[in-house]
N, C-alpha and C. Protein backbone atom coordinates (compact mmCIF):
# COMPACT_ATOMS: atom_id res chain seq x y z
N MET A 1 -67.25 -44.95 -64.15
CA MET A 1 -67.35 -46.61 -63.28
C MET A 1 -65.71 -46.13 -62.52
N SER A 2 -66.34 -46.97 -61.59
CA SER A 2 -65.05 -47.00 -60.25
C SER A 2 -63.84 -48.09 -60.66
N THR A 3 -62.83 -47.45 -60.10
CA THR A 3 -61.92 -48.02 -60.24
C THR A 3 -61.81 -49.55 -59.58
N ASP A 4 -62.30 -49.88 -58.51
CA ASP A 4 -62.59 -51.21 -57.92
C ASP A 4 -64.21 -52.00 -58.51
N GLU A 5 -64.39 -51.32 -59.55
CA GLU A 5 -65.23 -51.84 -60.23
C GLU A 5 -65.40 -53.77 -60.30
N ILE A 6 -64.50 -54.35 -60.92
CA ILE A 6 -63.98 -55.66 -61.22
C ILE A 6 -64.04 -56.04 -59.84
N GLY A 7 -63.57 -55.50 -58.63
CA GLY A 7 -63.25 -56.18 -57.45
C GLY A 7 -64.71 -56.36 -56.67
N ASP A 8 -65.32 -55.34 -56.92
CA ASP A 8 -66.91 -54.73 -56.12
C ASP A 8 -67.48 -55.86 -56.90
N LEU A 9 -67.60 -56.43 -58.21
CA LEU A 9 -68.83 -57.18 -59.02
C LEU A 9 -68.28 -58.75 -58.76
N LEU A 10 -66.79 -58.98 -58.18
CA LEU A 10 -66.15 -60.38 -57.72
C LEU A 10 -66.80 -60.48 -56.27
N ALA A 11 -66.84 -59.77 -55.49
CA ALA A 11 -67.34 -59.84 -54.55
C ALA A 11 -68.72 -60.03 -54.24
N ALA A 12 -69.46 -59.49 -55.13
CA ALA A 12 -70.78 -59.35 -54.91
C ALA A 12 -71.59 -60.77 -55.77
N PHE A 13 -70.52 -61.21 -56.61
CA PHE A 13 -70.71 -62.92 -57.17
C PHE A 13 -70.36 -63.76 -56.17
N ARG A 14 -69.09 -63.30 -55.04
CA ARG A 14 -68.96 -64.52 -54.44
C ARG A 14 -69.91 -64.37 -53.23
N ALA A 15 -70.60 -63.19 -52.79
CA ALA A 15 -71.68 -63.11 -51.81
C ALA A 15 -72.99 -63.84 -52.00
N GLY A 16 -73.24 -64.05 -53.26
CA GLY A 16 -74.31 -64.17 -53.86
C GLY A 16 -74.97 -63.28 -54.32
N GLN A 17 -74.74 -62.44 -54.31
CA GLN A 17 -75.64 -60.90 -54.78
C GLN A 17 -75.76 -60.71 -56.30
N ILE A 18 -75.19 -61.82 -57.14
CA ILE A 18 -74.94 -61.63 -58.81
C ILE A 18 -74.89 -62.80 -58.99
N GLU A 19 -75.10 -63.45 -59.93
CA GLU A 19 -75.40 -64.94 -60.41
C GLU A 19 -74.23 -64.86 -61.51
N LEU A 20 -73.27 -66.14 -61.97
CA LEU A 20 -72.41 -65.65 -62.89
C LEU A 20 -72.72 -65.32 -64.32
N ASP A 21 -73.98 -65.86 -64.70
CA ASP A 21 -74.39 -65.38 -66.10
C ASP A 21 -74.34 -63.67 -66.19
N ASP A 22 -75.16 -63.28 -65.10
CA ASP A 22 -74.94 -61.78 -64.93
C ASP A 22 -73.64 -61.06 -64.78
N LEU A 23 -72.83 -61.78 -64.42
CA LEU A 23 -71.25 -61.10 -64.00
C LEU A 23 -70.85 -61.42 -65.47
N ALA A 24 -71.05 -62.36 -66.29
CA ALA A 24 -70.48 -62.15 -66.99
C ALA A 24 -70.62 -61.53 -68.35
N GLU A 25 -72.15 -61.20 -68.14
CA GLU A 25 -72.78 -60.08 -69.08
C GLU A 25 -71.98 -59.07 -68.92
N ARG A 26 -72.06 -58.59 -67.72
CA ARG A 26 -71.55 -57.12 -67.21
C ARG A 26 -70.02 -57.25 -67.52
N PHE A 27 -68.92 -58.60 -67.55
CA PHE A 27 -68.20 -58.30 -68.41
C PHE A 27 -67.96 -57.87 -69.39
N ARG A 28 -69.04 -58.37 -70.58
CA ARG A 28 -68.92 -58.17 -71.63
C ARG A 28 -69.62 -56.86 -72.06
N GLN A 29 -69.98 -55.89 -71.29
CA GLN A 29 -70.32 -54.81 -71.74
C GLN A 29 -69.28 -53.76 -71.28
N ARG A 30 -68.49 -54.11 -70.59
CA ARG A 30 -67.20 -52.86 -70.11
C ARG A 30 -66.09 -53.19 -70.81
N GLU A 31 -65.43 -51.79 -70.97
CA GLU A 31 -64.29 -51.65 -71.52
C GLU A 31 -63.26 -52.20 -70.54
N TRP A 32 -62.11 -52.70 -71.17
CA TRP A 32 -60.98 -53.64 -70.52
C TRP A 32 -60.10 -52.99 -70.87
N VAL A 33 -59.07 -52.46 -69.65
CA VAL A 33 -57.90 -52.07 -69.65
C VAL A 33 -56.92 -53.47 -70.63
N ILE A 34 -56.13 -53.02 -71.06
CA ILE A 34 -54.98 -54.17 -71.45
C ILE A 34 -53.98 -53.85 -70.85
N ALA A 35 -53.68 -55.35 -69.93
CA ALA A 35 -52.29 -55.38 -69.60
C ALA A 35 -51.39 -56.17 -69.86
N ARG A 36 -50.72 -55.48 -71.10
CA ARG A 36 -49.70 -56.22 -71.86
C ARG A 36 -48.38 -55.54 -71.84
N ARG A 37 -47.28 -56.44 -71.96
CA ARG A 37 -46.15 -55.67 -71.59
C ARG A 37 -45.55 -55.98 -73.04
N SER A 38 -44.88 -54.87 -73.46
CA SER A 38 -43.94 -54.82 -75.17
C SER A 38 -43.05 -55.93 -74.80
N ALA A 39 -42.80 -56.40 -76.10
CA ALA A 39 -41.60 -57.20 -76.36
C ALA A 39 -40.48 -56.74 -76.41
N PRO A 40 -39.56 -57.33 -75.45
CA PRO A 40 -38.26 -57.30 -75.01
C PRO A 40 -37.47 -57.13 -76.17
N THR A 41 -36.45 -55.83 -76.11
CA THR A 41 -35.69 -56.02 -77.25
C THR A 41 -33.84 -55.77 -76.74
N SER A 42 -34.08 -56.53 -75.53
CA SER A 42 -32.48 -56.67 -75.18
C SER A 42 -32.56 -57.87 -73.69
N TYR A 43 -31.52 -58.88 -73.49
CA TYR A 43 -31.43 -59.74 -72.67
C TYR A 43 -32.00 -58.98 -71.26
N GLU A 44 -31.52 -57.60 -70.99
CA GLU A 44 -31.81 -56.86 -69.72
C GLU A 44 -33.27 -56.65 -69.55
N GLU A 45 -34.02 -55.88 -70.70
CA GLU A 45 -35.06 -56.01 -70.47
C GLU A 45 -36.13 -57.38 -70.49
N MET A 46 -35.60 -58.70 -70.91
CA MET A 46 -36.25 -59.75 -70.78
C MET A 46 -35.83 -60.29 -69.25
N ALA A 47 -34.80 -60.05 -68.84
CA ALA A 47 -34.55 -60.03 -67.25
C ALA A 47 -35.32 -59.48 -66.44
N GLU A 48 -35.65 -57.93 -66.73
CA GLU A 48 -36.65 -57.18 -66.02
C GLU A 48 -38.15 -57.62 -65.81
N GLN A 49 -38.40 -58.27 -66.96
CA GLN A 49 -39.84 -58.72 -67.01
C GLN A 49 -40.31 -60.03 -66.54
N GLN A 50 -39.13 -60.31 -66.12
CA GLN A 50 -39.37 -61.65 -65.13
C GLN A 50 -39.79 -61.72 -63.89
N ASP A 51 -39.61 -60.06 -63.48
CA ASP A 51 -39.95 -59.80 -61.88
C ASP A 51 -41.34 -59.53 -62.00
N VAL A 52 -41.98 -59.98 -61.15
CA VAL A 52 -43.70 -60.11 -61.23
C VAL A 52 -43.89 -58.71 -60.71
N GLU A 53 -44.93 -58.26 -61.52
CA GLU A 53 -45.60 -56.85 -61.42
C GLU A 53 -46.64 -56.86 -60.86
N PRO A 54 -47.22 -56.10 -60.20
CA PRO A 54 -48.25 -55.76 -59.59
C PRO A 54 -49.48 -55.68 -60.49
N ASP A 55 -51.03 -56.43 -60.17
CA ASP A 55 -51.62 -56.62 -61.09
C ASP A 55 -52.42 -55.16 -61.13
N VAL A 56 -52.93 -55.04 -62.43
CA VAL A 56 -53.46 -53.64 -63.36
C VAL A 56 -54.77 -53.67 -62.96
N GLN A 57 -55.15 -52.34 -62.00
CA GLN A 57 -56.34 -52.69 -61.63
C GLN A 57 -57.20 -52.24 -63.41
N GLY A 58 -58.61 -52.68 -63.40
CA GLY A 58 -59.27 -52.62 -64.03
C GLY A 58 -59.13 -53.78 -65.04
N SER A 59 -57.89 -54.57 -65.20
CA SER A 59 -57.81 -55.46 -66.31
C SER A 59 -58.26 -56.68 -65.83
N PHE A 60 -57.92 -57.90 -66.81
CA PHE A 60 -58.55 -59.66 -66.43
C PHE A 60 -57.43 -59.52 -65.16
N ASP A 61 -56.00 -58.87 -64.96
CA ASP A 61 -55.38 -59.70 -63.87
C ASP A 61 -56.11 -59.48 -62.56
N GLU A 62 -57.02 -58.86 -62.19
CA GLU A 62 -57.91 -58.71 -61.37
C GLU A 62 -58.56 -60.23 -61.18
N VAL A 63 -59.23 -60.39 -61.99
CA VAL A 63 -59.97 -62.03 -62.51
C VAL A 63 -58.97 -63.13 -62.35
N THR A 64 -57.58 -62.97 -62.49
CA THR A 64 -57.28 -64.13 -62.54
C THR A 64 -56.41 -64.34 -60.98
N ALA A 65 -56.22 -63.30 -60.49
CA ALA A 65 -55.65 -63.03 -58.90
C ALA A 65 -56.86 -63.80 -58.01
N ALA A 66 -58.42 -63.73 -58.56
CA ALA A 66 -59.10 -63.87 -57.85
C ALA A 66 -59.37 -65.57 -57.68
N TYR A 67 -58.93 -65.95 -59.10
CA TYR A 67 -58.90 -67.50 -59.03
C TYR A 67 -57.72 -68.06 -58.88
N ASP A 68 -56.34 -66.96 -58.57
CA ASP A 68 -55.35 -67.93 -57.70
C ASP A 68 -55.41 -68.13 -56.41
N ARG A 69 -56.29 -67.04 -55.94
CA ARG A 69 -56.55 -67.07 -54.50
C ARG A 69 -57.75 -68.13 -54.02
N GLY A 70 -58.08 -68.67 -54.57
CA GLY A 70 -59.48 -69.89 -54.80
C GLY A 70 -60.92 -69.09 -54.63
N GLU A 71 -60.85 -67.97 -55.12
CA GLU A 71 -62.10 -67.14 -54.63
C GLU A 71 -63.06 -67.65 -56.08
N ILE A 72 -62.99 -67.74 -57.07
CA ILE A 72 -63.64 -68.60 -58.14
C ILE A 72 -63.00 -69.77 -58.38
N THR A 73 -64.13 -70.68 -58.74
CA THR A 73 -63.30 -71.93 -59.75
C THR A 73 -63.06 -71.95 -60.84
N ARG A 74 -62.38 -72.92 -61.50
CA ARG A 74 -61.95 -72.77 -62.80
C ARG A 74 -63.13 -72.87 -63.77
N GLU A 75 -63.87 -73.24 -63.77
CA GLU A 75 -65.48 -73.13 -64.63
C GLU A 75 -65.69 -71.70 -64.70
N GLN A 76 -65.96 -71.34 -63.33
CA GLN A 76 -66.13 -69.30 -63.50
C GLN A 76 -64.91 -69.05 -63.98
N TYR A 77 -63.88 -69.24 -63.61
CA TYR A 77 -62.95 -67.85 -63.99
C TYR A 77 -63.02 -68.47 -65.76
N ARG A 78 -63.21 -69.48 -66.20
CA ARG A 78 -63.19 -69.97 -67.89
C ARG A 78 -64.62 -68.91 -68.52
N THR A 79 -65.87 -69.06 -67.86
CA THR A 79 -66.77 -68.40 -68.54
C THR A 79 -66.51 -66.66 -68.47
N LEU A 80 -65.78 -66.16 -67.69
CA LEU A 80 -65.38 -64.93 -67.29
C LEU A 80 -64.51 -64.65 -68.10
N ALA A 81 -63.47 -65.53 -68.84
CA ALA A 81 -62.47 -65.15 -69.48
C ALA A 81 -63.01 -65.16 -71.00
N HIS A 82 -64.24 -66.00 -71.02
CA HIS A 82 -64.94 -65.80 -72.53
C HIS A 82 -65.32 -64.51 -72.57
N ALA A 83 -66.26 -64.28 -71.67
CA ALA A 83 -66.83 -62.71 -71.58
C ALA A 83 -66.10 -61.51 -71.94
N VAL A 84 -64.88 -61.68 -71.18
CA VAL A 84 -64.22 -60.58 -71.27
C VAL A 84 -63.12 -60.72 -72.85
N ALA A 85 -63.23 -61.57 -73.30
CA ALA A 85 -62.52 -62.18 -74.41
C ALA A 85 -63.40 -61.34 -76.03
N GLU A 86 -64.49 -61.56 -75.51
CA GLU A 86 -66.01 -61.21 -76.38
C GLU A 86 -65.85 -59.48 -76.28
N ALA A 87 -65.99 -59.07 -74.99
CA ALA A 87 -65.50 -57.38 -74.94
C ALA A 87 -64.36 -56.95 -75.60
N ILE A 88 -63.25 -57.28 -75.26
CA ILE A 88 -62.37 -56.83 -76.12
C ILE A 88 -62.07 -57.13 -77.71
N ASN A 89 -62.78 -58.17 -78.35
CA ASN A 89 -62.83 -58.58 -79.46
C ASN A 89 -64.03 -57.70 -80.13
N ALA A 90 -64.58 -56.84 -79.47
CA ALA A 90 -66.11 -56.58 -79.79
C ALA A 90 -65.47 -54.94 -80.13
N GLU A 91 -64.56 -54.44 -79.04
CA GLU A 91 -63.84 -53.19 -79.34
C GLU A 91 -63.23 -52.79 -80.04
N ALA A 92 -62.35 -54.22 -80.85
CA ALA A 92 -61.15 -54.05 -81.51
C ALA A 92 -62.02 -54.05 -82.78
N ARG A 93 -63.21 -54.56 -83.08
CA ARG A 93 -63.89 -54.48 -84.38
C ARG A 93 -64.03 -53.16 -84.28
N ARG A 94 -64.79 -52.27 -83.41
CA ARG A 94 -65.67 -51.19 -83.04
C ARG A 94 -64.32 -50.05 -83.64
N ASP A 95 -63.14 -50.18 -82.84
CA ASP A 95 -62.07 -49.45 -83.58
C ASP A 95 -61.10 -49.38 -84.36
N GLY A 96 -61.58 -50.77 -85.02
CA GLY A 96 -60.52 -51.30 -86.62
C GLY A 96 -61.42 -50.68 -87.62
């Protein structure tokens, strides 16, 4: 799996090479990197977490960034968010 897979898929979608339903299905079938910060244990850690960190490649951050840049619509973002949630939930059930 390429490290640019999400960006490549989003670019193909924007270029009309892949339909939204197909993109969502691809998102359902892949494993997602979870970009989650740990809970701060001090005010200093809390302040440090206010700094914007770069997007985590291979995570949903890439989809959110595409939405923020106006590359996908709100409805498209919502469809992809649901697909990613389904993939993460399915993986948790397998691991659980």
